[in-house]
Amino acid sequence: MNSLISSKERVISLRKEGKSYGEINKILGLPKSTLSTWLKDLPISKKVREKNINNAKSVWAKNIIEFNKLRSEKYQKDTQLLLDNFSLQVPLVSKDILFFIGLSLFWAEGGKREKWSVIFVNSDPIMVKAMMRFFREVCFVPEEKFRLRMHIYPNIDENEAKEFWSKITKLPLTQFGKSQTQISKSSQHKRPINRLPYGTLNIRIGDASLNKKIKGWLLGLGKQFNNMPG
């Protein structure tokens, strides 16, 4: 009997210290049903109440994190499914379509102030691939006329970047000029390391006639939009 009383007093003491039923069970080996009977009339102390609140907050936070994770995964999965379905709606790129793709990309990203050369600069490998097809299949640029130059950052391995752009453009390393390595004043070393893992590629074609031809195409395209009603 004295042992039972002693155990009960110990239980009450531990509870007042802020221990949970689970913690008391581990310490004394008493079933939770017994603990519930012994402690049912014991007022919840401030320490226990604060601990219960903190535990509840912890569980709630964990549940919210898990819920947000599952929701994010579902959103990404649903979004990817939509993107895949929409991607099937794109027609095959014919030569006519390639003409307008290349012209539009040059309109947006090309060196329009150049007089004697054709320059296109970008960091997107797919965009570079599209422009290389435009130059080869629409403009009929000879392979030896292409000159490449990379703009890279200190964290980028120059040789690795060259190998990457060589595969993208299908041009040999011998057609790469000296790379430009610098940090722009605007970035001030704040650019994320993995944002441009291979830097930016500058494609130059030393051909004044092609420069005028592309500018003429752009002029014709611009006239069509300018003359459209509305």
C-alpha atoms as a PDB file:
ATOM      1  CA  MET A   1       0.000   0.000   0.000  1.00  0.00           C
ATOM      2  CA  ASN A   2       2.821   2.355   0.924  1.00  0.00           C
ATOM      3  CA  SER A   3       4.449   1.516  -2.397  1.00  0.00           C
ATOM      4  CA  LEU A   4       1.255   2.458  -4.235  1.00  0.00           C
ATOM      5  CA  ILE A   5       1.000   5.762  -2.363  1.00  0.00           C
ATOM      6  CA  SER A   6       4.645   6.453  -3.051  1.00  0.00           C
ATOM      7  CA  SER A   7       4.154   5.771  -6.753  1.00  0.00           C
ATOM      8  CA  LYS A   8       1.102   8.023  -6.884  1.00  0.00           C
ATOM      9  CA  GLU A   9       2.988  10.836  -5.142  1.00  0.00           C
ATOM     10  CA  ARG A  10       5.817  10.391  -7.616  1.00  0.00           C
ATOM     11  CA  VAL A  11       3.354  10.540 -10.500  1.00  0.00           C
ATOM     12  CA  ILE A  12       1.804  13.751  -9.147  1.00  0.00           C
ATOM     13  CA  SER A  13       5.243  15.247  -8.597  1.00  0.00           C
ATOM     14  CA  LEU A  14       6.339  14.450 -12.145  1.00  0.00           C
ATOM     15  CA  ARG A  15       3.103  15.839 -13.528  1.00  0.00           C
ATOM     16  CA  LYS A  16       3.612  19.091 -11.649  1.00  0.00           C
ATOM     17  CA  GLU A  17       7.066  19.284 -13.167  1.00  0.00           C
ATOM     18  CA  GLY A  18       5.379  19.372 -16.544  1.00  0.00           C
ATOM     19  CA  LYS A  19       5.900  15.768 -17.625  1.00  0.00           C
ATOM     20  CA  SER A  20       3.430  14.290 -20.102  1.00  0.00           C
ATOM     21  CA  TYR A  21       1.642  10.978 -19.601  1.00  0.00           C
ATOM     22  CA  GLY A  22       4.010   9.424 -22.121  1.00  0.00           C
ATOM     23  CA  GLU A  23       7.087  10.720 -20.313  1.00  0.00           C
ATOM     24  CA  ILE A  24       5.794   9.510 -16.924  1.00  0.00           C
ATOM     25  CA  ASN A  25       5.019   6.138 -18.454  1.00  0.00           C
ATOM     26  CA  LYS A  26       8.624   5.838 -19.642  1.00  0.00           C
ATOM     27  CA  ILE A  27      10.006   6.863 -16.242  1.00  0.00           C
ATOM     28  CA  LEU A  28       7.806   4.721 -13.974  1.00  0.00           C
ATOM     29  CA  GLY A  29       6.457   2.095 -16.338  1.00  0.00           C
ATOM     30  CA  LEU A  30       2.874   2.745 -15.238  1.00  0.00           C
ATOM     31  CA  PRO A  31       0.028   2.342 -17.753  1.00  0.00           C
ATOM     32  CA  LYS A  32      -1.566   5.550 -19.016  1.00  0.00           C
ATOM     33  CA  SER A  33      -4.967   4.378 -17.766  1.00  0.00           C
ATOM     34  CA  THR A  34      -3.602   4.390 -14.194  1.00  0.00           C
ATOM     35  CA  LEU A  35      -2.034   7.803 -14.712  1.00  0.00           C
ATOM     36  CA  SER A  36      -5.322   9.164 -16.011  1.00  0.00           C
ATOM     37  CA  THR A  37      -7.166   7.872 -12.917  1.00  0.00           C
ATOM     38  CA  TRP A  38      -4.623   9.285 -10.482  1.00  0.00           C
ATOM     39  CA  LEU A  39      -4.321  12.651 -12.166  1.00  0.00           C
ATOM     40  CA  LYS A  40      -7.926  13.335 -13.216  1.00  0.00           C
ATOM     41  CA  ASP A  41      -8.550  15.649 -10.238  1.00  0.00           C
ATOM     42  CA  LEU A  42      -5.163  17.346 -10.370  1.00  0.00           C
ATOM     43  CA  PRO A  43      -5.442  20.912 -11.723  1.00  0.00           C
ATOM     44  CA  ILE A  44      -3.292  21.449 -14.788  1.00  0.00           C
ATOM     45  CA  SER A  45      -0.317  23.537 -13.758  1.00  0.00           C
ATOM     46  CA  LYS A  46       0.851  26.529 -15.763  1.00  0.00           C
ATOM     47  CA  LYS A  47       3.969  24.603 -16.732  1.00  0.00           C
ATOM     48  CA  VAL A  48       1.966  21.634 -18.039  1.00  0.00           C
ATOM     49  CA  ARG A  49      -0.483  23.922 -19.821  1.00  0.00           C
ATOM     50  CA  GLU A  50       2.337  25.797 -21.561  1.00  0.00           C
ATOM     51  CA  LYS A  51       3.978  22.523 -22.521  1.00  0.00           C
ATOM     52  CA  ASN A  52       0.712  21.167 -23.929  1.00  0.00           C
ATOM     53  CA  ILE A  53       0.223  24.359 -25.923  1.00  0.00           C
ATOM     54  CA  ASN A  54       3.776  24.195 -27.281  1.00  0.00           C
ATOM     55  CA  ASN A  55       3.342  20.534 -28.171  1.00  0.00           C
ATOM     56  CA  ALA A  56       0.074  21.330 -29.929  1.00  0.00           C
ATOM     57  CA  LYS A  57       1.752  24.150 -31.844  1.00  0.00           C
ATOM     58  CA  SER A  58       4.579  21.835 -32.831  1.00  0.00           C
ATOM     59  CA  VAL A  59       2.149  19.184 -34.093  1.00  0.00           C
ATOM     60  CA  TRP A  60       0.127  21.839 -35.920  1.00  0.00           C
ATOM     61  CA  ALA A  61       3.239  23.268 -37.565  1.00  0.00           C
ATOM     62  CA  LYS A  62       4.370  19.802 -38.609  1.00  0.00           C
ATOM     63  CA  ASN A  63       0.937  19.026 -40.068  1.00  0.00           C
ATOM     64  CA  ILE A  64       0.864  22.344 -41.926  1.00  0.00           C
ATOM     65  CA  ILE A  65       4.322  21.723 -43.371  1.00  0.00           C
ATOM     66  CA  GLU A  66       3.300  18.240 -44.503  1.00  0.00           C
ATOM     67  CA  PHE A  67       0.017  19.546 -45.923  1.00  0.00           C
ATOM     68  CA  ASN A  68       1.812  22.313 -47.843  1.00  0.00           C
ATOM     69  CA  LYS A  69       4.357  19.813 -49.126  1.00  0.00           C
ATOM     70  CA  LEU A  70       1.642  17.470 -50.410  1.00  0.00           C
ATOM     71  CA  ARG A  71      -0.284  20.382 -51.915  1.00  0.00           C
ATOM     72  CA  SER A  72       2.859  21.658 -53.631  1.00  0.00           C
ATOM     73  CA  GLU A  73       3.630  18.196 -55.026  1.00  0.00           C
ATOM     74  CA  LYS A  74       0.058  17.866 -56.323  1.00  0.00           C
ATOM     75  CA  TYR A  75       0.210  21.326 -57.891  1.00  0.00           C
ATOM     76  CA  GLN A  76       3.497  20.531 -59.615  1.00  0.00           C
ATOM     77  CA  LYS A  77       2.176  17.208 -60.870  1.00  0.00           C
ATOM     78  CA  ASP A  78      -1.079  18.739 -62.155  1.00  0.00           C
ATOM     79  CA  THR A  79       0.790  21.645 -63.727  1.00  0.00           C
ATOM     80  CA  GLN A  80       3.261  19.357 -65.477  1.00  0.00           C
ATOM     81  CA  LEU A  81       0.356  17.296 -66.851  1.00  0.00           C
ATOM     82  CA  LEU A  82      -1.236  20.450 -68.269  1.00  0.00           C
ATOM     83  CA  LEU A  83       2.064  21.608 -69.756  1.00  0.00           C
ATOM     84  CA  ASP A  84       2.623  18.206 -71.362  1.00  0.00           C
ATOM     85  CA  ASN A  85      -0.871  18.304 -72.883  1.00  0.00           C
ATOM     86  CA  PHE A  86      -0.402  21.839 -74.197  1.00  0.00           C
ATOM     87  CA  SER A  87       2.990  20.905 -75.633  1.00  0.00           C
ATOM     88  CA  LEU A  88       1.272  18.398 -77.930  1.00  0.00           C
ATOM     89  CA  GLN A  89      -0.663  21.254 -79.566  1.00  0.00           C
ATOM     90  CA  VAL A  90       2.487  22.790 -81.070  1.00  0.00           C
ATOM     91  CA  PRO A  91       2.847  22.010 -84.787  1.00  0.00           C
ATOM     92  CA  LEU A  92       6.086  20.647 -86.181  1.00  0.00           C
ATOM     93  CA  VAL A  93       8.599  23.379 -86.999  1.00  0.00           C
ATOM     94  CA  SER A  94       8.576  23.800 -90.768  1.00  0.00           C
ATOM     95  CA  LYS A  95      11.032  26.048 -92.592  1.00  0.00           C
ATOM     96  CA  ASP A  96       8.430  28.837 -92.710  1.00  0.00           C
ATOM     97  CA  ILE A  97       7.851  28.585 -88.975  1.00  0.00           C
ATOM     98  CA  LEU A  98      11.608  28.464 -88.350  1.00  0.00           C
ATOM     99  CA  PHE A  99      11.950  31.683 -90.372  1.00  0.00           C
ATOM    100  CA  PHE A 100       9.572  33.548 -88.075  1.00  0.00           C
ATOM    101  CA  ILE A 101      10.969  31.948 -84.909  1.00  0.00           C
ATOM    102  CA  GLY A 102      14.515  32.996 -85.761  1.00  0.00           C
ATOM    103  CA  LEU A 103      13.454  36.447 -86.913  1.00  0.00           C
ATOM    104  CA  SER A 104      11.436  37.018 -83.732  1.00  0.00           C
ATOM    105  CA  LEU A 105      14.277  35.858 -81.507  1.00  0.00           C
ATOM    106  CA  PHE A 106      16.697  38.129 -83.304  1.00  0.00           C
ATOM    107  CA  TRP A 107      14.189  40.969 -83.049  1.00  0.00           C
ATOM    108  CA  ALA A 108      14.181  40.491 -79.272  1.00  0.00           C
ATOM    109  CA  GLU A 109      17.760  39.438 -78.525  1.00  0.00           C
ATOM    110  CA  GLY A 110      19.886  40.210 -81.580  1.00  0.00           C
ATOM    111  CA  GLY A 111      22.482  42.938 -82.002  1.00  0.00           C
ATOM    112  CA  LYS A 112      20.382  45.345 -84.071  1.00  0.00           C
ATOM    113  CA  ARG A 113      22.918  48.201 -83.814  1.00  0.00           C
ATOM    114  CA  GLU A 114      25.617  46.176 -85.545  1.00  0.00           C
ATOM    115  CA  LYS A 115      26.480  47.171 -89.133  1.00  0.00           C
ATOM    116  CA  TRP A 116      29.003  44.627 -90.325  1.00  0.00           C
ATOM    117  CA  SER A 117      28.147  41.517 -88.314  1.00  0.00           C
ATOM    118  CA  VAL A 118      25.205  39.514 -87.073  1.00  0.00           C
ATOM    119  CA  ILE A 119      25.236  38.983 -83.308  1.00  0.00           C
ATOM    120  CA  PHE A 120      22.933  36.981 -81.078  1.00  0.00           C
ATOM    121  CA  VAL A 121      23.484  36.698 -77.317  1.00  0.00           C
ATOM    122  CA  ASN A 122      21.609  34.464 -74.902  1.00  0.00           C
ATOM    123  CA  SER A 123      21.982  32.038 -71.993  1.00  0.00           C
ATOM    124  CA  ASP A 124      19.062  29.739 -72.878  1.00  0.00           C
ATOM    125  CA  PRO A 125      20.386  26.567 -74.581  1.00  0.00           C
ATOM    126  CA  ILE A 126      17.097  25.875 -76.397  1.00  0.00           C
ATOM    127  CA  MET A 127      16.970  29.434 -77.720  1.00  0.00           C
ATOM    128  CA  VAL A 128      20.566  29.116 -78.908  1.00  0.00           C
ATOM    129  CA  LYS A 129      19.695  25.830 -80.644  1.00  0.00           C
ATOM    130  CA  ALA A 130      16.742  27.494 -82.374  1.00  0.00           C
ATOM    131  CA  MET A 131      18.919  30.377 -83.591  1.00  0.00           C
ATOM    132  CA  MET A 132      21.615  28.027 -84.854  1.00  0.00           C
ATOM    133  CA  ARG A 133      18.976  26.227 -86.925  1.00  0.00           C
ATOM    134  CA  PHE A 134      17.745  29.587 -88.219  1.00  0.00           C
ATOM    135  CA  PHE A 135      21.264  30.635 -89.196  1.00  0.00           C
ATOM    136  CA  ARG A 136      22.035  27.304 -90.852  1.00  0.00           C
ATOM    137  CA  GLU A 137      18.739  26.386 -92.506  1.00  0.00           C
ATOM    138  CA  VAL A 138      17.250  29.808 -93.327  1.00  0.00           C
ATOM    139  CA  CYS A 139      20.312  32.077 -93.629  1.00  0.00           C
ATOM    140  CA  PHE A 140      22.645  29.353 -94.997  1.00  0.00           C
ATOM    141  CA  VAL A 141      25.584  30.549 -92.896  1.00  0.00           C
ATOM    142  CA  PRO A 142      28.744  28.489 -93.615  1.00  0.00           C
ATOM    143  CA  GLU A 143      30.057  26.662 -90.545  1.00  0.00           C
ATOM    144  CA  GLU A 144      33.416  28.436 -90.596  1.00  0.00           C
ATOM    145  CA  LYS A 145      31.746  31.853 -90.303  1.00  0.00           C
ATOM    146  CA  PHE A 146      30.470  31.269 -86.769  1.00  0.00           C
ATOM    147  CA  ARG A 147      32.494  32.772 -83.943  1.00  0.00           C
ATOM    148  CA  LEU A 148      31.569  32.104 -80.334  1.00  0.00           C
ATOM    149  CA  ARG A 149      32.470  33.924 -77.142  1.00  0.00           C
ATOM    150  CA  MET A 150      31.297  33.187 -73.629  1.00  0.00           C
ATOM    151  CA  HIS A 151      30.477  35.629 -70.873  1.00  0.00           C
ATOM    152  CA  ILE A 152      31.041  33.685 -67.660  1.00  0.00           C
ATOM    153  CA  TYR A 153      31.277  34.330 -63.935  1.00  0.00           C
ATOM    154  CA  PRO A 154      34.038  33.387 -61.458  1.00  0.00           C
ATOM    155  CA  ASN A 155      32.143  30.331 -60.178  1.00  0.00           C
ATOM    156  CA  ILE A 156      31.881  28.803 -63.679  1.00  0.00           C
ATOM    157  CA  ASP A 157      34.390  26.267 -65.008  1.00  0.00           C
ATOM    158  CA  GLU A 158      35.412  27.729 -68.382  1.00  0.00           C
ATOM    159  CA  ASN A 159      36.360  24.415 -70.004  1.00  0.00           C
ATOM    160  CA  GLU A 160      33.136  22.760 -68.872  1.00  0.00           C
ATOM    161  CA  ALA A 161      31.120  25.704 -70.204  1.00  0.00           C
ATOM    162  CA  LYS A 162      32.917  25.540 -73.558  1.00  0.00           C
ATOM    163  CA  GLU A 163      32.197  21.834 -73.883  1.00  0.00           C
ATOM    164  CA  PHE A 164      28.546  22.518 -73.092  1.00  0.00           C
ATOM    165  CA  TRP A 165      28.094  25.279 -75.684  1.00  0.00           C
ATOM    166  CA  SER A 166      30.114  23.313 -78.229  1.00  0.00           C
ATOM    167  CA  LYS A 167      27.574  20.482 -77.999  1.00  0.00           C
ATOM    168  CA  ILE A 168      24.634  22.906 -78.129  1.00  0.00           C
ATOM    169  CA  THR A 169      25.907  24.736 -81.222  1.00  0.00           C
ATOM    170  CA  LYS A 170      27.596  21.702 -82.812  1.00  0.00           C
ATOM    171  CA  LEU A 171      30.671  23.837 -83.378  1.00  0.00           C
ATOM    172  CA  PRO A 172      34.280  22.910 -82.517  1.00  0.00           C
ATOM    173  CA  LEU A 173      36.181  24.508 -79.647  1.00  0.00           C
ATOM    174  CA  THR A 174      38.514  26.138 -82.167  1.00  0.00           C
ATOM    175  CA  GLN A 175      35.720  28.578 -83.049  1.00  0.00           C
ATOM    176  CA  PHE A 176      35.551  29.957 -79.503  1.00  0.00           C
ATOM    177  CA  GLY A 177      37.249  33.231 -78.777  1.00  0.00           C
ATOM    178  CA  LYS A 178      38.591  34.426 -75.437  1.00  0.00           C
ATOM    179  CA  SER A 179      35.938  34.265 -72.729  1.00  0.00           C
ATOM    180  CA  GLN A 180      34.867  37.340 -70.832  1.00  0.00           C
ATOM    181  CA  THR A 181      34.880  36.787 -67.078  1.00  0.00           C
ATOM    182  CA  GLN A 182      33.489  39.483 -64.862  1.00  0.00           C
ATOM    183  CA  ILE A 183      30.852  40.502 -62.372  1.00  0.00           C
ATOM    184  CA  SER A 184      28.546  43.245 -63.568  1.00  0.00           C
ATOM    185  CA  LYS A 185      28.227  46.344 -61.406  1.00  0.00           C
ATOM    186  CA  SER A 186      24.486  45.768 -61.079  1.00  0.00           C
ATOM    187  CA  SER A 187      24.811  42.233 -59.681  1.00  0.00           C
ATOM    188  CA  GLN A 188      27.438  43.148 -57.038  1.00  0.00           C
ATOM    189  CA  HIS A 189      28.205  39.464 -56.363  1.00  0.00           C
ATOM    190  CA  LYS A 190      24.537  38.831 -55.537  1.00  0.00           C
ATOM    191  CA  ARG A 191      23.806  36.624 -58.568  1.00  0.00           C
ATOM    192  CA  PRO A 192      22.781  33.078 -57.499  1.00  0.00           C
ATOM    193  CA  ILE A 193      25.567  30.585 -58.228  1.00  0.00           C
ATOM    194  CA  ASN A 194      23.345  28.207 -60.234  1.00  0.00           C
ATOM    195  CA  ARG A 195      21.318  30.822 -62.122  1.00  0.00           C
ATOM    196  CA  LEU A 196      23.545  30.759 -65.208  1.00  0.00           C
ATOM    197  CA  PRO A 197      25.566  27.540 -64.821  1.00  0.00           C
ATOM    198  CA  TYR A 198      27.213  27.956 -68.251  1.00  0.00           C
ATOM    199  CA  GLY A 199      27.162  31.727 -68.572  1.00  0.00           C
ATOM    200  CA  THR A 200      25.975  33.568 -71.669  1.00  0.00           C
ATOM    201  CA  LEU A 201      26.910  32.733 -75.248  1.00  0.00           C
ATOM    202  CA  ASN A 202      27.699  35.368 -77.869  1.00  0.00           C
ATOM    203  CA  ILE A 203      27.250  34.158 -81.462  1.00  0.00           C
ATOM    204  CA  ARG A 204      28.891  36.382 -84.062  1.00  0.00           C
ATOM    205  CA  ILE A 205      28.729  36.025 -87.847  1.00  0.00           C
ATOM    206  CA  GLY A 206      30.975  38.413 -89.750  1.00  0.00           C
ATOM    207  CA  ASP A 207      28.681  39.054 -92.709  1.00  0.00           C
ATOM    208  CA  ALA A 208      27.511  42.570 -93.575  1.00  0.00           C
ATOM    209  CA  SER A 209      25.170  41.247 -96.297  1.00  0.00           C
ATOM    210  CA  LEU A 210      23.400  38.947 -93.857  1.00  0.00           C
ATOM    211  CA  ASN A 211      23.154  41.831 -91.398  1.00  0.00           C
ATOM    212  CA  LYS A 212      21.256  43.877 -93.987  1.00  0.00           C
ATOM    213  CA  LYS A 213      19.130  40.930 -95.054  1.00  0.00           C
ATOM    214  CA  ILE A 214      17.919  40.215 -91.511  1.00  0.00           C
ATOM    215  CA  LYS A 215      17.282  43.909 -90.874  1.00  0.00           C
ATOM    216  CA  GLY A 216      15.288  44.021 -94.112  1.00  0.00           C
ATOM    217  CA  TRP A 217      13.239  41.028 -93.007  1.00  0.00           C
ATOM    218  CA  LEU A 218      12.568  42.734 -89.695  1.00  0.00           C
ATOM    219  CA  LEU A 219      11.517  45.899 -91.518  1.00  0.00           C
ATOM    220  CA  GLY A 220       9.058  43.920 -93.624  1.00  0.00           C
ATOM    221  CA  LEU A 221       7.677  42.136 -90.572  1.00  0.00           C
ATOM    222  CA  GLY A 222       7.346  45.406 -88.702  1.00  0.00           C
ATOM    223  CA  LYS A 223       5.468  46.990 -91.617  1.00  0.00           C
ATOM    224  CA  GLN A 224       2.924  44.187 -91.568  1.00  0.00           C
ATOM    225  CA  PHE A 225       2.186  44.724 -87.884  1.00  0.00           C
ATOM    226  CA  ASN A 226       2.217  48.497 -88.284  1.00  0.00           C
ATOM    227  CA  ASN A 227      -0.376  48.310 -91.076  1.00  0.00           C
ATOM    228  CA  MET A 228      -2.690  45.971 -89.207  1.00  0.00           C
ATOM    229  CA  PRO A 229      -6.006  47.587 -88.201  1.00  0.00           C
ATOM    230  CA  GLY A 230      -6.524  48.324 -84.497  1.00  0.00           C
END
